[in-house]
């Protein structure tokens, strides 16, 4: 369940980052995109480790 939550949080953050890019608020966009990628990566790694 936590893994799904991490993925959705990551995708949400990436979505907000893309929205900020369209508004040309670049520092915030980079922050949200980086945070989203981090969430997705952490969730994917935890899921991969859990499957082994």
N, C-alpha and C. Protein backbone atom coordinates (compact mmCIF):
# COMPACT_ATOMS: atom_id res chain seq x y z
N UNK A 1 0.83 -1.20 0.00
CA UNK A 1 0.00 0.00 0.00
C UNK A 1 0.87 1.26 0.00
N UNK A 2 1.93 1.25 0.82
CA UNK A 2 2.81 2.41 0.87
C UNK A 2 3.49 2.65 -0.47
N UNK A 3 3.76 1.55 -1.18
CA UNK A 3 4.44 1.68 -2.48
C UNK A 3 3.52 2.39 -3.47
N UNK A 4 2.23 2.01 -3.48
CA UNK A 4 1.26 2.65 -4.36
C UNK A 4 1.14 4.13 -4.01
N UNK A 5 1.16 4.42 -2.71
CA UNK A 5 1.09 5.80 -2.25
C UNK A 5 2.29 6.61 -2.75
N UNK A 6 3.47 6.00 -2.70
CA UNK A 6 4.67 6.69 -3.19
C UNK A 6 4.58 6.98 -4.68
N UNK A 7 4.11 5.98 -5.44
CA UNK A 7 3.96 6.18 -6.88
C UNK A 7 2.99 7.31 -7.18
N UNK A 8 1.83 7.31 -6.50
CA UNK A 8 0.83 8.34 -6.77
C UNK A 8 1.33 9.72 -6.34
N UNK A 9 2.03 9.78 -5.21
CA UNK A 9 2.60 11.06 -4.76
C UNK A 9 3.61 11.56 -5.79
N UNK A 10 4.44 10.65 -6.27
CA UNK A 10 5.44 11.02 -7.28
C UNK A 10 4.80 11.54 -8.55
N UNK A 11 3.76 10.84 -9.02
CA UNK A 11 3.08 11.27 -10.24
C UNK A 11 2.37 12.61 -10.03
N UNK A 12 1.80 12.78 -8.84
CA UNK A 12 1.14 14.04 -8.52
C UNK A 12 2.15 15.19 -8.55
N UNK A 13 3.31 14.97 -7.92
CA UNK A 13 4.35 16.01 -7.89
C UNK A 13 4.85 16.32 -9.30
N UNK A 14 5.00 15.28 -10.14
CA UNK A 14 5.45 15.50 -11.52
C UNK A 14 4.40 16.30 -12.27
N UNK A 15 3.13 15.99 -12.03
CA UNK A 15 2.04 16.74 -12.66
C UNK A 15 2.05 18.20 -12.26
N UNK A 16 2.27 18.47 -10.98
CA UNK A 16 2.35 19.86 -10.50
C UNK A 16 3.56 20.56 -11.14
N UNK A 17 4.67 19.83 -11.25
CA UNK A 17 5.87 20.39 -11.88
C UNK A 17 5.62 20.78 -13.32
N UNK A 18 4.90 19.93 -14.07
CA UNK A 18 4.57 20.23 -15.47
C UNK A 18 3.63 21.43 -15.54
N UNK A 19 2.69 21.50 -14.60
CA UNK A 19 1.78 22.65 -14.55
C UNK A 19 2.57 23.94 -14.31
N UNK A 20 3.54 23.88 -13.41
CA UNK A 20 4.38 25.06 -13.12
C UNK A 20 5.21 25.45 -14.34
N UNK A 21 5.67 24.45 -15.11
CA UNK A 21 6.42 24.75 -16.33
C UNK A 21 5.57 25.54 -17.31
N UNK A 22 4.29 25.17 -17.42
CA UNK A 22 3.41 25.89 -18.35
C UNK A 22 3.16 27.31 -17.87
N UNK A 23 3.26 27.53 -16.55
CA UNK A 23 3.10 28.88 -16.00
C UNK A 23 4.43 29.63 -15.96
N UNK A 24 5.48 28.98 -16.45
CA UNK A 24 6.84 29.54 -16.50
C UNK A 24 7.37 29.93 -15.13
N UNK A 25 7.08 29.08 -14.14
CA UNK A 25 7.63 29.26 -12.80
C UNK A 25 8.70 28.16 -12.63
N UNK A 26 9.85 28.40 -13.24
CA UNK A 26 10.85 27.34 -13.39
C UNK A 26 11.46 26.80 -12.09
N UNK A 27 11.82 27.63 -11.11
CA UNK A 27 12.40 27.05 -9.88
C UNK A 27 11.45 26.08 -9.17
N UNK A 28 10.17 26.47 -9.06
CA UNK A 28 9.18 25.60 -8.44
C UNK A 28 8.96 24.34 -9.28
N UNK A 29 8.96 24.50 -10.60
CA UNK A 29 8.76 23.36 -11.49
C UNK A 29 9.88 22.33 -11.28
N UNK A 30 11.12 22.81 -11.22
CA UNK A 30 12.25 21.90 -11.01
C UNK A 30 12.16 21.19 -9.66
N UNK A 31 11.74 21.93 -8.65
CA UNK A 31 11.59 21.36 -7.31
C UNK A 31 10.56 20.23 -7.32
N UNK A 32 9.39 20.50 -7.92
CA UNK A 32 8.34 19.49 -7.94
C UNK A 32 8.72 18.29 -8.82
N UNK A 33 9.34 18.55 -9.97
CA UNK A 33 9.75 17.45 -10.85
C UNK A 33 10.78 16.56 -10.16
N UNK A 34 11.76 17.19 -9.50
CA UNK A 34 12.79 16.42 -8.80
C UNK A 34 12.17 15.61 -7.66
N UNK A 35 11.27 16.22 -6.91
CA UNK A 35 10.60 15.52 -5.82
C UNK A 35 9.78 14.35 -6.34
N UNK A 36 9.08 14.56 -7.44
CA UNK A 36 8.26 13.50 -8.03
C UNK A 36 9.10 12.32 -8.50
N UNK A 37 10.20 12.62 -9.16
CA UNK A 37 11.09 11.56 -9.64
C UNK A 37 11.66 10.79 -8.45
N UNK A 38 11.99 11.50 -7.39
CA UNK A 38 12.53 10.87 -6.19
C UNK A 38 11.52 9.92 -5.56
N UNK A 39 10.26 10.37 -5.45
CA UNK A 39 9.19 9.53 -4.89
C UNK A 39 9.01 8.26 -5.73
N UNK A 40 8.92 8.43 -7.05
CA UNK A 40 8.70 7.28 -7.94
C UNK A 40 9.88 6.31 -7.85
N UNK A 41 11.10 6.85 -7.84
CA UNK A 41 12.30 6.01 -7.77
C UNK A 41 12.35 5.24 -6.46
N UNK A 42 12.03 5.92 -5.35
CA UNK A 42 12.05 5.25 -4.04
C UNK A 42 10.99 4.15 -3.98
N UNK A 43 9.81 4.42 -4.51
CA UNK A 43 8.76 3.41 -4.53
C UNK A 43 9.13 2.23 -5.40
N UNK A 44 9.71 2.49 -6.56
CA UNK A 44 10.09 1.43 -7.49
C UNK A 44 11.19 0.56 -6.89
N UNK A 45 12.15 1.20 -6.23
CA UNK A 45 13.24 0.44 -5.61
C UNK A 45 12.73 -0.43 -4.48
N UNK A 46 11.86 0.13 -3.66
CA UNK A 46 11.29 -0.64 -2.54
C UNK A 46 10.49 -1.82 -3.09
N UNK A 47 9.72 -1.61 -4.18
CA UNK A 47 8.93 -2.65 -4.78
C UNK A 47 9.82 -3.75 -5.37
N UNK A 48 10.91 -3.34 -6.02
CA UNK A 48 11.84 -4.29 -6.62
C UNK A 48 12.51 -5.14 -5.54
N UNK A 49 12.92 -4.51 -4.43
CA UNK A 49 13.56 -5.22 -3.33
C UNK A 49 12.55 -6.17 -2.69
N UNK A 50 11.30 -5.73 -2.55
CA UNK A 50 10.27 -6.56 -1.93
C UNK A 50 9.91 -7.79 -2.74
N UNK A 51 10.08 -7.74 -4.06
CA UNK A 51 9.72 -8.86 -4.92
C UNK A 51 10.77 -9.98 -4.87
N UNK A 52 11.99 -9.65 -4.48
CA UNK A 52 13.06 -10.66 -4.49
C UNK A 52 12.91 -11.63 -3.32
